[in-house]
Amino acid sequence: MRIRAAVAADLPLLQDIERAAGEPFRALGMAAIADDDPPSPEALEAYRRAGRAWVAADAADRPVAYLLTDPVDGAAHIEQVSVHPDAARRGVGRALIEHLAAVAGKEGLTALTLTTFAEVPWNAPYYARLGFRPLDDSDPALTEGLRAIARAEAAHGLAAWPRVCMRRDLTDRP
């Protein structure tokens, strides 16, 4: 597996990865998440052109996972990380996140942030194992930018299930 910048030809495959990665949510009674549309080709292209989209590619250079990021309040915010179920449980998501951590550190960003489902095993518990910590409402690390993201996600219907903002500081990591 190799991590590389997404190219235009990858974008339809990223949508397929997103659809496949959503399917396991059905078993948790979260069909609305499984049925949610993947990012549009235009949105994916905007991330790609901005240099904020990476893929994990297999030996044939075919993407099996991807990560999108936005700068938010001095941190690299993980907008989306999705792994095709056929590539799950092999460290692919971790590799993408570690790649982002290295890039963010070089850019002088202080942390990685994300929002996720609190009770889905491959969401908040997984990110906690990767060094992310949940942010409660009184935590100063819960910035206005993260609060705005959480509000937008709630407006999109994601707050039907418990959500959490999480942060992994980069300044104290090698």
C-alpha atoms as a PDB file:
ATOM      1  CA  MET A   1       0.000   0.000   0.000  1.00  0.00           C
ATOM      2  CA  ARG A   2       1.185   3.476  -0.797  1.00  0.00           C
ATOM      3  CA  ILE A   3      -0.157   6.871   0.259  1.00  0.00           C
ATOM      4  CA  ARG A   4      -0.258   9.440  -2.524  1.00  0.00           C
ATOM      5  CA  ALA A   5      -2.097  12.576  -3.535  1.00  0.00           C
ATOM      6  CA  ALA A   6      -5.421  11.910  -5.202  1.00  0.00           C
ATOM      7  CA  VAL A   7      -5.530  12.411  -8.965  1.00  0.00           C
ATOM      8  CA  ALA A   8      -8.571  13.277 -11.072  1.00  0.00           C
ATOM      9  CA  ALA A   9      -9.008   9.685 -12.278  1.00  0.00           C
ATOM     10  CA  ASP A  10      -9.385   8.556  -8.642  1.00  0.00           C
ATOM     11  CA  LEU A  11     -12.445  10.649  -7.862  1.00  0.00           C
ATOM     12  CA  PRO A  12     -15.182   8.242  -9.079  1.00  0.00           C
ATOM     13  CA  LEU A  13     -13.430   5.467  -7.146  1.00  0.00           C
ATOM     14  CA  LEU A  14     -13.497   7.585  -3.989  1.00  0.00           C
ATOM     15  CA  GLN A  15     -17.261   7.817  -4.307  1.00  0.00           C
ATOM     16  CA  ASP A  16     -17.424   4.009  -4.614  1.00  0.00           C
ATOM     17  CA  ILE A  17     -15.217   3.638  -1.521  1.00  0.00           C
ATOM     18  CA  GLU A  18     -17.513   5.961   0.406  1.00  0.00           C
ATOM     19  CA  ARG A  19     -20.628   4.016  -0.566  1.00  0.00           C
ATOM     20  CA  ALA A  20     -19.034   0.691   0.393  1.00  0.00           C
ATOM     21  CA  ALA A  21     -17.652   2.080   3.662  1.00  0.00           C
ATOM     22  CA  GLY A  22     -21.141   3.274   4.604  1.00  0.00           C
ATOM     23  CA  GLU A  23     -22.773  -0.139   4.307  1.00  0.00           C
ATOM     24  CA  PRO A  24     -21.684  -1.463   7.749  1.00  0.00           C
ATOM     25  CA  PHE A  25     -23.744   1.319   9.370  1.00  0.00           C
ATOM     26  CA  ARG A  26     -26.907  -0.564   8.351  1.00  0.00           C
ATOM     27  CA  ALA A  27     -26.180  -3.281  10.897  1.00  0.00           C
ATOM     28  CA  LEU A  28     -26.197  -0.597  13.616  1.00  0.00           C
ATOM     29  CA  GLY A  29     -29.611   0.746  12.606  1.00  0.00           C
ATOM     30  CA  MET A  30     -28.026   3.725  10.858  1.00  0.00           C
ATOM     31  CA  ALA A  31     -29.389   3.185   7.344  1.00  0.00           C
ATOM     32  CA  ALA A  32     -29.547   6.950   6.778  1.00  0.00           C
ATOM     33  CA  ILE A  33     -25.752   7.057   7.071  1.00  0.00           C
ATOM     34  CA  ALA A  34     -25.356   4.134   4.672  1.00  0.00           C
ATOM     35  CA  ASP A  35     -27.698   5.851   2.227  1.00  0.00           C
ATOM     36  CA  ASP A  36     -26.052   9.279   2.455  1.00  0.00           C
ATOM     37  CA  ASP A  37     -24.542  10.442  -0.813  1.00  0.00           C
ATOM     38  CA  PRO A  38     -20.755  10.503  -1.077  1.00  0.00           C
ATOM     39  CA  PRO A  39     -19.034  13.827  -1.696  1.00  0.00           C
ATOM     40  CA  SER A  40     -19.838  15.181  -5.150  1.00  0.00           C
ATOM     41  CA  PRO A  41     -17.252  15.031  -7.921  1.00  0.00           C
ATOM     42  CA  GLU A  42     -16.992  18.828  -7.662  1.00  0.00           C
ATOM     43  CA  ALA A  43     -16.305  18.701  -3.930  1.00  0.00           C
ATOM     44  CA  LEU A  44     -13.717  15.948  -4.367  1.00  0.00           C
ATOM     45  CA  GLU A  45     -12.066  17.911  -7.171  1.00  0.00           C
ATOM     46  CA  ALA A  46     -11.867  20.991  -4.954  1.00  0.00           C
ATOM     47  CA  TYR A  47     -10.055  18.970  -2.260  1.00  0.00           C
ATOM     48  CA  ARG A  48      -7.765  17.422  -4.881  1.00  0.00           C
ATOM     49  CA  ARG A  49      -6.874  20.765  -6.454  1.00  0.00           C
ATOM     50  CA  ALA A  50      -6.179  22.270  -3.025  1.00  0.00           C
ATOM     51  CA  GLY A  51      -3.783  19.404  -2.221  1.00  0.00           C
ATOM     52  CA  ARG A  52      -5.996  18.201   0.626  1.00  0.00           C
ATOM     53  CA  ALA A  53      -6.994  14.747  -0.686  1.00  0.00           C
ATOM     54  CA  TRP A  54      -4.899  11.616  -0.291  1.00  0.00           C
ATOM     55  CA  VAL A  55      -5.506   8.009  -1.191  1.00  0.00           C
ATOM     56  CA  ALA A  56      -4.117   4.717  -0.004  1.00  0.00           C
ATOM     57  CA  ALA A  57      -3.490   2.731  -3.170  1.00  0.00           C
ATOM     58  CA  ASP A  58      -3.000  -1.017  -3.566  1.00  0.00           C
ATOM     59  CA  ALA A  59      -0.226  -2.726  -5.554  1.00  0.00           C
ATOM     60  CA  ALA A  60      -2.088  -1.941  -8.787  1.00  0.00           C
ATOM     61  CA  ASP A  61      -2.224   1.757  -7.740  1.00  0.00           C
ATOM     62  CA  ARG A  62      -6.006   1.535  -7.261  1.00  0.00           C
ATOM     63  CA  PRO A  63      -7.348   3.530  -4.295  1.00  0.00           C
ATOM     64  CA  VAL A  64      -8.740   1.449  -1.418  1.00  0.00           C
ATOM     65  CA  ALA A  65      -9.155   4.356   1.015  1.00  0.00           C
ATOM     66  CA  TYR A  66      -9.035   8.125   1.097  1.00  0.00           C
ATOM     67  CA  LEU A  67      -8.741  11.111   3.411  1.00  0.00           C
ATOM     68  CA  LEU A  68      -9.941  14.700   2.949  1.00  0.00           C
ATOM     69  CA  THR A  69      -8.787  17.511   5.199  1.00  0.00           C
ATOM     70  CA  ASP A  70      -9.501  21.185   5.842  1.00  0.00           C
ATOM     71  CA  PRO A  71      -7.504  23.699   7.871  1.00  0.00           C
ATOM     72  CA  VAL A  72      -9.655  24.674  10.868  1.00  0.00           C
ATOM     73  CA  ASP A  73      -8.421  26.999  13.611  1.00  0.00           C
ATOM     74  CA  GLY A  74      -4.749  26.046  13.289  1.00  0.00           C
ATOM     75  CA  ALA A  75      -5.405  22.306  13.022  1.00  0.00           C
ATOM     76  CA  ALA A  76      -5.764  19.827  10.186  1.00  0.00           C
ATOM     77  CA  HIS A  77      -9.410  18.803  10.396  1.00  0.00           C
ATOM     78  CA  ILE A  78     -10.180  15.365   8.984  1.00  0.00           C
ATOM     79  CA  GLU A  79     -13.288  16.016   6.954  1.00  0.00           C
ATOM     80  CA  GLN A  80     -13.536  12.418   5.808  1.00  0.00           C
ATOM     81  CA  VAL A  81     -11.530   9.231   6.052  1.00  0.00           C
ATOM     82  CA  SER A  82     -13.034   6.163   4.430  1.00  0.00           C
ATOM     83  CA  VAL A  83     -11.663   2.682   3.877  1.00  0.00           C
ATOM     84  CA  HIS A  84     -13.250   0.141   1.552  1.00  0.00           C
ATOM     85  CA  PRO A  85     -14.437  -2.840   3.649  1.00  0.00           C
ATOM     86  CA  ASP A  86     -12.235  -5.165   1.569  1.00  0.00           C
ATOM     87  CA  ALA A  87      -9.187  -3.259   2.893  1.00  0.00           C
ATOM     88  CA  ALA A  88     -10.440  -2.761   6.462  1.00  0.00           C
ATOM     89  CA  ARG A  89      -8.540  -3.859   9.570  1.00  0.00           C
ATOM     90  CA  ARG A  90      -5.156  -3.633   7.845  1.00  0.00           C
ATOM     91  CA  GLY A  91      -3.955  -0.271   9.155  1.00  0.00           C
ATOM     92  CA  VAL A  92      -4.945   1.639   6.027  1.00  0.00           C
ATOM     93  CA  GLY A  93      -6.946   4.319   7.850  1.00  0.00           C
ATOM     94  CA  ARG A  94      -4.172   4.663  10.421  1.00  0.00           C
ATOM     95  CA  ALA A  95      -1.616   5.108   7.627  1.00  0.00           C
ATOM     96  CA  LEU A  96      -3.654   7.894   6.048  1.00  0.00           C
ATOM     97  CA  ILE A  97      -4.026   9.650   9.410  1.00  0.00           C
ATOM     98  CA  GLU A  98      -0.302   9.324  10.153  1.00  0.00           C
ATOM     99  CA  HIS A  99       0.453  10.738   6.704  1.00  0.00           C
ATOM    100  CA  LEU A 100      -1.763  13.722   7.473  1.00  0.00           C
ATOM    101  CA  ALA A 101      -0.068  14.149  10.869  1.00  0.00           C
ATOM    102  CA  ALA A 102       3.333  14.350   9.154  1.00  0.00           C
ATOM    103  CA  VAL A 103       2.085  16.848   6.559  1.00  0.00           C
ATOM    104  CA  ALA A 104       0.290  18.947   9.192  1.00  0.00           C
ATOM    105  CA  GLY A 105       3.375  19.022  11.390  1.00  0.00           C
ATOM    106  CA  LYS A 106       5.519  20.251   8.493  1.00  0.00           C
ATOM    107  CA  GLU A 107       2.935  22.962   7.822  1.00  0.00           C
ATOM    108  CA  GLY A 108       3.157  24.136  11.441  1.00  0.00           C
ATOM    109  CA  LEU A 109      -0.325  22.982  12.406  1.00  0.00           C
ATOM    110  CA  THR A 110      -0.691  21.992  16.033  1.00  0.00           C
ATOM    111  CA  ALA A 111      -3.267  19.207  15.934  1.00  0.00           C
ATOM    112  CA  LEU A 112      -5.520  16.902  14.011  1.00  0.00           C
ATOM    113  CA  THR A 113      -9.239  17.230  14.674  1.00  0.00           C
ATOM    114  CA  LEU A 114     -12.350  15.395  13.575  1.00  0.00           C
ATOM    115  CA  THR A 115     -15.993  14.867  14.369  1.00  0.00           C
ATOM    116  CA  THR A 116     -17.400  11.368  14.562  1.00  0.00           C
ATOM    117  CA  PHE A 117     -20.016   9.061  15.996  1.00  0.00           C
ATOM    118  CA  ALA A 118     -19.357   8.495  19.689  1.00  0.00           C
ATOM    119  CA  GLU A 119     -20.712   4.955  19.914  1.00  0.00           C
ATOM    120  CA  VAL A 120     -19.760   3.374  16.578  1.00  0.00           C
ATOM    121  CA  PRO A 121     -16.842   0.976  17.243  1.00  0.00           C
ATOM    122  CA  TRP A 122     -14.891   2.016  14.136  1.00  0.00           C
ATOM    123  CA  ASN A 123     -15.423   5.705  14.914  1.00  0.00           C
ATOM    124  CA  ALA A 124     -14.680   7.378  18.295  1.00  0.00           C
ATOM    125  CA  PRO A 125     -13.244   4.262  20.010  1.00  0.00           C
ATOM    126  CA  TYR A 126     -10.954   3.678  17.025  1.00  0.00           C
ATOM    127  CA  TYR A 127      -9.759   7.288  16.963  1.00  0.00           C
ATOM    128  CA  ALA A 128      -9.106   7.167  20.711  1.00  0.00           C
ATOM    129  CA  ARG A 129      -6.724   4.255  20.050  1.00  0.00           C
ATOM    130  CA  LEU A 130      -4.919   6.530  17.561  1.00  0.00           C
ATOM    131  CA  GLY A 131      -4.359   9.202  20.214  1.00  0.00           C
ATOM    132  CA  PHE A 132      -7.421  11.419  19.719  1.00  0.00           C
ATOM    133  CA  ARG A 133      -9.238  12.681  22.788  1.00  0.00           C
ATOM    134  CA  PRO A 134     -12.881  13.725  23.011  1.00  0.00           C
ATOM    135  CA  LEU A 135     -13.588  17.413  23.544  1.00  0.00           C
ATOM    136  CA  ASP A 136     -16.415  18.427  25.854  1.00  0.00           C
ATOM    137  CA  ASP A 137     -18.205  21.762  25.668  1.00  0.00           C
ATOM    138  CA  SER A 138     -15.946  23.360  28.275  1.00  0.00           C
ATOM    139  CA  ASP A 139     -12.666  22.334  26.622  1.00  0.00           C
ATOM    140  CA  PRO A 140     -10.833  25.369  25.165  1.00  0.00           C
ATOM    141  CA  ALA A 141      -9.645  23.105  22.325  1.00  0.00           C
ATOM    142  CA  LEU A 142     -13.260  22.962  21.130  1.00  0.00           C
ATOM    143  CA  THR A 143     -12.792  25.947  18.859  1.00  0.00           C
ATOM    144  CA  GLU A 144     -15.454  28.002  17.150  1.00  0.00           C
ATOM    145  CA  GLY A 145     -14.534  26.329  13.866  1.00  0.00           C
ATOM    146  CA  LEU A 146     -15.179  22.873  15.332  1.00  0.00           C
ATOM    147  CA  ARG A 147     -18.420  24.077  16.877  1.00  0.00           C
ATOM    148  CA  ALA A 148     -19.521  25.367  13.461  1.00  0.00           C
ATOM    149  CA  ILE A 149     -18.713  22.008  11.863  1.00  0.00           C
ATOM    150  CA  ALA A 150     -20.716  20.205  14.563  1.00  0.00           C
ATOM    151  CA  ARG A 151     -23.674  22.542  13.992  1.00  0.00           C
ATOM    152  CA  ALA A 152     -23.555  21.970  10.227  1.00  0.00           C
ATOM    153  CA  GLU A 153     -23.430  18.210  10.729  1.00  0.00           C
ATOM    154  CA  ALA A 154     -26.392  18.394  13.109  1.00  0.00           C
ATOM    155  CA  ALA A 155     -28.330  20.376  10.499  1.00  0.00           C
ATOM    156  CA  HIS A 156     -27.520  17.587   8.017  1.00  0.00           C
ATOM    157  CA  GLY A 157     -29.135  15.074  10.400  1.00  0.00           C
ATOM    158  CA  LEU A 158     -26.025  13.467  11.849  1.00  0.00           C
ATOM    159  CA  ALA A 159     -26.957  14.413  15.413  1.00  0.00           C
ATOM    160  CA  ALA A 160     -29.646  11.729  15.378  1.00  0.00           C
ATOM    161  CA  TRP A 161     -26.868   9.603  16.911  1.00  0.00           C
ATOM    162  CA  PRO A 162     -24.382  10.743  19.578  1.00  0.00           C
ATOM    163  CA  ARG A 163     -21.499  12.704  18.053  1.00  0.00           C
ATOM    164  CA  VAL A 164     -18.202  13.912  19.454  1.00  0.00           C
ATOM    165  CA  CYS A 165     -15.443  16.308  18.415  1.00  0.00           C
ATOM    166  CA  MET A 166     -11.966  14.860  18.917  1.00  0.00           C
ATOM    167  CA  ARG A 167      -8.428  16.234  18.848  1.00  0.00           C
ATOM    168  CA  ARG A 168      -4.919  14.798  18.662  1.00  0.00           C
ATOM    169  CA  ASP A 169      -2.174  17.260  19.513  1.00  0.00           C
ATOM    170  CA  LEU A 170       0.893  17.134  17.274  1.00  0.00           C
ATOM    171  CA  THR A 171       3.263  19.298  19.300  1.00  0.00           C
ATOM    172  CA  ASP A 172       4.133  16.572  21.800  1.00  0.00           C
ATOM    173  CA  ARG A 173       4.602  13.800  19.229  1.00  0.00           C
ATOM    174  CA  PRO A 174       7.908  12.831  17.630  1.00  0.00           C
END
